[in-house]
N, C-alpha and C. Protein backbone atom coordinates (compact mmCIF):
# COMPACT_ATOMS: atom_id res chain seq x y z
N MET A 1 58.71 13.96 -77.90
CA MET A 1 58.27 12.75 -77.24
C MET A 1 59.38 12.19 -76.35
N VAL A 2 60.61 12.13 -76.86
CA VAL A 2 61.73 11.61 -76.07
C VAL A 2 61.95 12.47 -74.84
N GLN A 3 61.79 13.78 -74.99
CA GLN A 3 61.96 14.69 -73.86
C GLN A 3 60.91 14.42 -72.78
N GLN A 4 59.67 14.12 -73.21
CA GLN A 4 58.61 13.81 -72.25
C GLN A 4 58.92 12.51 -71.51
N VAL A 5 59.40 11.51 -72.23
CA VAL A 5 59.75 10.23 -71.60
C VAL A 5 60.87 10.45 -70.59
N ASN A 6 61.89 11.22 -70.98
CA ASN A 6 62.99 11.50 -70.05
C ASN A 6 62.49 12.24 -68.82
N GLY A 7 61.57 13.17 -69.01
CA GLY A 7 60.99 13.90 -67.88
C GLY A 7 60.23 12.98 -66.95
N LEU A 8 59.47 12.06 -67.53
CA LEU A 8 58.72 11.09 -66.72
C LEU A 8 59.65 10.15 -65.97
N GLN A 9 60.73 9.74 -66.62
CA GLN A 9 61.69 8.86 -65.95
C GLN A 9 62.34 9.58 -64.78
N TYR A 10 62.70 10.84 -64.97
CA TYR A 10 63.29 11.62 -63.87
C TYR A 10 62.29 11.78 -62.73
N PHE A 11 61.05 12.10 -63.08
CA PHE A 11 60.00 12.26 -62.08
C PHE A 11 59.81 10.97 -61.29
N ALA A 12 59.73 9.82 -62.01
CA ALA A 12 59.57 8.53 -61.34
C ALA A 12 60.73 8.25 -60.40
N TYR A 13 61.93 8.57 -60.84
CA TYR A 13 63.11 8.35 -60.01
C TYR A 13 63.06 9.20 -58.75
N ALA A 14 62.76 10.49 -58.92
CA ALA A 14 62.74 11.41 -57.77
C ALA A 14 61.66 11.03 -56.77
N ILE A 15 60.47 10.74 -57.25
CA ILE A 15 59.37 10.36 -56.35
C ILE A 15 59.68 9.06 -55.63
N SER A 16 60.18 8.08 -56.38
CA SER A 16 60.49 6.79 -55.78
C SER A 16 61.55 6.93 -54.69
N HIS A 17 62.56 7.71 -54.97
CA HIS A 17 63.63 7.92 -53.98
C HIS A 17 63.07 8.56 -52.71
N ASP A 18 62.25 9.59 -52.86
CA ASP A 18 61.67 10.27 -51.70
C ASP A 18 60.76 9.34 -50.90
N LEU A 19 59.96 8.56 -51.60
CA LEU A 19 59.05 7.66 -50.90
C LEU A 19 59.80 6.53 -50.19
N LYS A 20 60.90 6.07 -50.77
CA LYS A 20 61.70 5.03 -50.11
C LYS A 20 62.21 5.54 -48.76
N THR A 21 62.62 6.79 -48.70
CA THR A 21 63.10 7.37 -47.44
C THR A 21 61.99 7.35 -46.40
N THR A 22 60.79 7.75 -46.80
CA THR A 22 59.65 7.77 -45.88
C THR A 22 59.32 6.36 -45.40
N LEU A 23 59.31 5.40 -46.30
CA LEU A 23 59.00 4.01 -45.92
C LEU A 23 60.06 3.46 -44.97
N HIS A 24 61.30 3.82 -45.18
CA HIS A 24 62.36 3.37 -44.29
C HIS A 24 62.12 3.90 -42.87
N THR A 25 61.71 5.15 -42.78
CA THR A 25 61.40 5.75 -41.47
C THR A 25 60.22 5.04 -40.82
N LEU A 26 59.17 4.78 -41.60
CA LEU A 26 58.00 4.08 -41.06
C LEU A 26 58.37 2.68 -40.57
N SER A 27 59.20 1.99 -41.33
CA SER A 27 59.63 0.65 -40.93
C SER A 27 60.37 0.70 -39.59
N GLY A 28 61.19 1.71 -39.41
CA GLY A 28 61.91 1.86 -38.15
C GLY A 28 60.97 2.06 -36.98
N TYR A 29 59.97 2.92 -37.16
CA TYR A 29 59.01 3.16 -36.08
C TYR A 29 58.17 1.92 -35.78
N ILE A 30 57.81 1.17 -36.82
CA ILE A 30 57.05 -0.06 -36.59
C ILE A 30 57.90 -1.05 -35.80
N GLY A 31 59.18 -1.15 -36.13
CA GLY A 31 60.08 -2.02 -35.37
C GLY A 31 60.14 -1.62 -33.91
N LEU A 32 60.22 -0.32 -33.65
CA LEU A 32 60.23 0.15 -32.26
C LEU A 32 58.92 -0.18 -31.55
N LEU A 33 57.80 0.01 -32.25
CA LEU A 33 56.50 -0.31 -31.66
C LEU A 33 56.39 -1.80 -31.35
N LYS A 34 56.84 -2.63 -32.26
CA LYS A 34 56.77 -4.08 -32.04
C LYS A 34 57.57 -4.49 -30.81
N ARG A 35 58.74 -3.89 -30.67
CA ARG A 35 59.56 -4.23 -29.49
C ARG A 35 58.90 -3.74 -28.20
N SER A 36 58.29 -2.56 -28.24
CA SER A 36 57.71 -2.02 -27.01
C SER A 36 56.42 -2.72 -26.63
N VAL A 37 55.64 -3.19 -27.61
CA VAL A 37 54.39 -3.87 -27.27
C VAL A 37 54.56 -5.37 -27.15
N SER A 38 55.74 -5.90 -27.51
CA SER A 38 55.94 -7.34 -27.41
C SER A 38 55.90 -7.80 -25.95
N LYS A 39 56.16 -6.89 -25.05
CA LYS A 39 56.11 -7.22 -23.63
C LYS A 39 54.67 -7.38 -23.16
N GLN A 40 53.76 -6.75 -23.91
CA GLN A 40 52.33 -6.85 -23.60
C GLN A 40 51.71 -7.73 -24.68
N SER A 41 50.84 -8.63 -24.29
CA SER A 41 50.22 -9.53 -25.25
C SER A 41 48.94 -8.90 -25.78
N ASN A 42 48.99 -8.41 -27.01
CA ASN A 42 47.81 -7.84 -27.64
C ASN A 42 47.83 -8.26 -29.11
N GLN A 43 47.10 -9.32 -29.41
CA GLN A 43 47.10 -9.89 -30.76
C GLN A 43 46.60 -8.88 -31.80
N GLU A 44 45.64 -8.05 -31.44
CA GLU A 44 45.09 -7.08 -32.40
C GLU A 44 46.16 -6.08 -32.83
N ILE A 45 46.94 -5.58 -31.88
CA ILE A 45 48.02 -4.64 -32.21
C ILE A 45 49.06 -5.34 -33.08
N ASP A 46 49.41 -6.57 -32.73
CA ASP A 46 50.37 -7.33 -33.53
C ASP A 46 49.88 -7.50 -34.96
N ASN A 47 48.59 -7.80 -35.13
CA ASN A 47 48.03 -7.97 -36.47
C ASN A 47 48.10 -6.67 -37.27
N TYR A 48 47.78 -5.56 -36.63
CA TYR A 48 47.85 -4.26 -37.32
C TYR A 48 49.28 -3.95 -37.74
N LEU A 49 50.22 -4.19 -36.85
CA LEU A 49 51.63 -3.92 -37.17
C LEU A 49 52.12 -4.84 -38.29
N ASP A 50 51.67 -6.09 -38.28
CA ASP A 50 52.05 -7.01 -39.36
C ASP A 50 51.48 -6.54 -40.70
N GLU A 51 50.23 -6.07 -40.71
CA GLU A 51 49.63 -5.56 -41.95
C GLU A 51 50.37 -4.32 -42.44
N LEU A 52 50.74 -3.44 -41.52
CA LEU A 52 51.53 -2.26 -41.91
C LEU A 52 52.86 -2.67 -42.51
N THR A 53 53.50 -3.64 -41.90
CA THR A 53 54.79 -4.11 -42.41
C THR A 53 54.64 -4.70 -43.81
N LYS A 54 53.60 -5.50 -44.04
CA LYS A 54 53.36 -6.07 -45.37
C LYS A 54 53.11 -4.96 -46.39
N ALA A 55 52.32 -3.97 -46.02
CA ALA A 55 52.03 -2.87 -46.95
C ALA A 55 53.30 -2.11 -47.30
N ILE A 56 54.15 -1.89 -46.32
CA ILE A 56 55.42 -1.19 -46.58
C ILE A 56 56.30 -2.03 -47.50
N GLN A 57 56.37 -3.33 -47.26
CA GLN A 57 57.19 -4.20 -48.11
C GLN A 57 56.68 -4.21 -49.55
N GLN A 58 55.36 -4.23 -49.73
CA GLN A 58 54.80 -4.21 -51.08
C GLN A 58 55.11 -2.88 -51.77
N THR A 59 55.00 -1.80 -51.02
CA THR A 59 55.29 -0.48 -51.59
C THR A 59 56.77 -0.36 -51.92
N GLN A 60 57.62 -0.90 -51.07
CA GLN A 60 59.06 -0.87 -51.34
C GLN A 60 59.39 -1.64 -52.62
N ALA A 61 58.75 -2.78 -52.81
CA ALA A 61 58.98 -3.57 -54.03
C ALA A 61 58.53 -2.78 -55.26
N PHE A 62 57.39 -2.10 -55.14
CA PHE A 62 56.91 -1.27 -56.25
C PHE A 62 57.90 -0.14 -56.54
N LEU A 63 58.39 0.48 -55.50
CA LEU A 63 59.34 1.58 -55.70
C LEU A 63 60.64 1.10 -56.31
N GLU A 64 61.10 -0.08 -55.91
CA GLU A 64 62.31 -0.65 -56.51
C GLU A 64 62.10 -0.85 -58.01
N SER A 65 60.93 -1.36 -58.38
CA SER A 65 60.63 -1.55 -59.79
C SER A 65 60.58 -0.22 -60.53
N THR A 66 60.00 0.78 -59.89
CA THR A 66 59.91 2.11 -60.51
C THR A 66 61.30 2.71 -60.67
N LEU A 67 62.13 2.57 -59.66
CA LEU A 67 63.51 3.07 -59.77
C LEU A 67 64.26 2.35 -60.87
N HIS A 68 64.07 1.05 -60.96
CA HIS A 68 64.72 0.28 -62.02
C HIS A 68 64.27 0.79 -63.39
N TYR A 69 62.97 1.01 -63.54
CA TYR A 69 62.44 1.52 -64.81
C TYR A 69 63.02 2.89 -65.13
N ALA A 70 63.09 3.74 -64.13
CA ALA A 70 63.55 5.11 -64.35
C ALA A 70 65.00 5.16 -64.78
N THR A 71 65.78 4.14 -64.43
CA THR A 71 67.20 4.16 -64.78
C THR A 71 67.49 3.38 -66.06
N LEU A 72 66.47 2.77 -66.67
CA LEU A 72 66.67 2.05 -67.92
C LEU A 72 66.87 3.04 -69.07
N PRO A 73 67.66 2.67 -70.03
CA PRO A 73 67.75 3.52 -71.22
C PRO A 73 66.42 3.46 -71.97
N HIS A 74 66.20 4.41 -72.82
CA HIS A 74 64.94 4.45 -73.58
C HIS A 74 64.81 3.17 -74.40
N LEU A 75 63.75 2.44 -74.17
CA LEU A 75 63.52 1.17 -74.87
C LEU A 75 62.23 1.26 -75.67
N LYS A 76 62.18 0.51 -76.75
CA LYS A 76 60.93 0.40 -77.49
C LYS A 76 60.05 -0.59 -76.74
N VAL A 77 58.81 -0.24 -76.58
CA VAL A 77 57.88 -1.08 -75.84
C VAL A 77 56.89 -1.69 -76.81
N LYS A 78 56.73 -2.99 -76.73
CA LYS A 78 55.75 -3.67 -77.55
C LYS A 78 54.46 -3.76 -76.75
N MET A 79 53.42 -3.16 -77.28
CA MET A 79 52.13 -3.15 -76.60
C MET A 79 51.37 -4.43 -76.92
N ALA A 80 50.74 -5.00 -75.91
CA ALA A 80 49.94 -6.20 -76.10
C ALA A 80 48.84 -6.22 -75.04
N PRO A 81 47.71 -6.81 -75.36
CA PRO A 81 46.64 -6.90 -74.36
C PRO A 81 47.08 -7.78 -73.20
N VAL A 82 46.63 -7.43 -72.02
CA VAL A 82 46.98 -8.18 -70.82
C VAL A 82 45.69 -8.62 -70.14
N PRO A 83 45.51 -9.92 -69.92
CA PRO A 83 44.31 -10.39 -69.23
C PRO A 83 44.39 -10.03 -67.74
N LEU A 84 43.46 -9.23 -67.28
CA LEU A 84 43.50 -8.75 -65.91
C LEU A 84 42.44 -9.37 -65.00
N ASN A 85 41.57 -10.19 -65.56
CA ASN A 85 40.47 -10.75 -64.76
C ASN A 85 40.98 -11.48 -63.52
N GLY A 86 42.00 -12.33 -63.69
CA GLY A 86 42.54 -13.08 -62.54
C GLY A 86 43.14 -12.17 -61.50
N LEU A 87 43.88 -11.16 -61.94
CA LEU A 87 44.50 -10.21 -61.02
C LEU A 87 43.44 -9.42 -60.25
N ILE A 88 42.44 -8.95 -60.96
CA ILE A 88 41.37 -8.17 -60.31
C ILE A 88 40.66 -9.02 -59.27
N GLU A 89 40.37 -10.26 -59.64
CA GLU A 89 39.70 -11.15 -58.69
C GLU A 89 40.56 -11.40 -57.46
N GLU A 90 41.86 -11.58 -57.66
CA GLU A 90 42.79 -11.80 -56.54
C GLU A 90 42.83 -10.58 -55.61
N VAL A 91 42.89 -9.40 -56.19
CA VAL A 91 42.92 -8.17 -55.39
C VAL A 91 41.62 -8.01 -54.60
N LEU A 92 40.50 -8.26 -55.25
CA LEU A 92 39.21 -8.14 -54.55
C LEU A 92 39.10 -9.14 -53.41
N GLN A 93 39.56 -10.38 -53.64
CA GLN A 93 39.50 -11.40 -52.60
C GLN A 93 40.41 -11.03 -51.42
N ALA A 94 41.60 -10.50 -51.72
CA ALA A 94 42.51 -10.09 -50.66
C ALA A 94 41.88 -8.96 -49.83
N GLY A 95 41.24 -8.02 -50.51
CA GLY A 95 40.56 -6.93 -49.81
C GLY A 95 39.40 -7.45 -48.97
N ALA A 96 38.69 -8.43 -49.49
CA ALA A 96 37.57 -9.02 -48.75
C ALA A 96 38.06 -9.72 -47.50
N GLN A 97 39.19 -10.42 -47.60
CA GLN A 97 39.74 -11.11 -46.43
C GLN A 97 40.17 -10.12 -45.36
N ARG A 98 40.78 -9.02 -45.80
CA ARG A 98 41.22 -8.02 -44.83
C ARG A 98 40.04 -7.33 -44.15
N SER A 99 38.98 -7.09 -44.92
CA SER A 99 37.82 -6.39 -44.34
C SER A 99 36.80 -7.36 -43.77
N LYS A 100 37.07 -8.66 -43.94
CA LYS A 100 36.18 -9.71 -43.43
C LYS A 100 34.77 -9.59 -44.02
N ARG A 101 34.71 -9.22 -45.32
CA ARG A 101 33.46 -9.13 -46.06
C ARG A 101 33.57 -10.02 -47.29
N SER A 102 32.44 -10.39 -47.84
CA SER A 102 32.49 -11.23 -49.03
C SER A 102 32.41 -10.37 -50.29
N VAL A 103 33.03 -10.86 -51.33
CA VAL A 103 33.06 -10.17 -52.61
C VAL A 103 32.61 -11.16 -53.68
N HIS A 104 31.72 -10.73 -54.55
CA HIS A 104 31.24 -11.56 -55.65
C HIS A 104 31.58 -10.82 -56.94
N VAL A 105 32.29 -11.51 -57.81
CA VAL A 105 32.69 -10.92 -59.08
C VAL A 105 31.72 -11.39 -60.14
N LEU A 106 31.08 -10.44 -60.82
CA LEU A 106 30.16 -10.77 -61.91
C LEU A 106 30.95 -10.87 -63.19
N LYS A 107 30.69 -11.91 -63.93
CA LYS A 107 31.40 -12.11 -65.21
C LYS A 107 30.47 -11.96 -66.36
């Protein structure tokens, strides 16, 4: 079991590191695009680039957390139920706003 956990931690570290490199490259290209289109006024392009930037930042934060986890020593984890209704509703609402559609959550 310990060997499997160590393997998963190594895998998480390796994947996170590789993905961080890719996100850094994407961020650079988005910066270049923003500078080149800033001379032209196109709100739609600006909105798309802003959404891409937000998505990259969220993914970078996730990868930082994954890297942090992968470098932690083996810890005992206390399992407990987690209420997810609020989180699920928030995610659905955010998706609805981005797609400009309405979402109704049945309880």
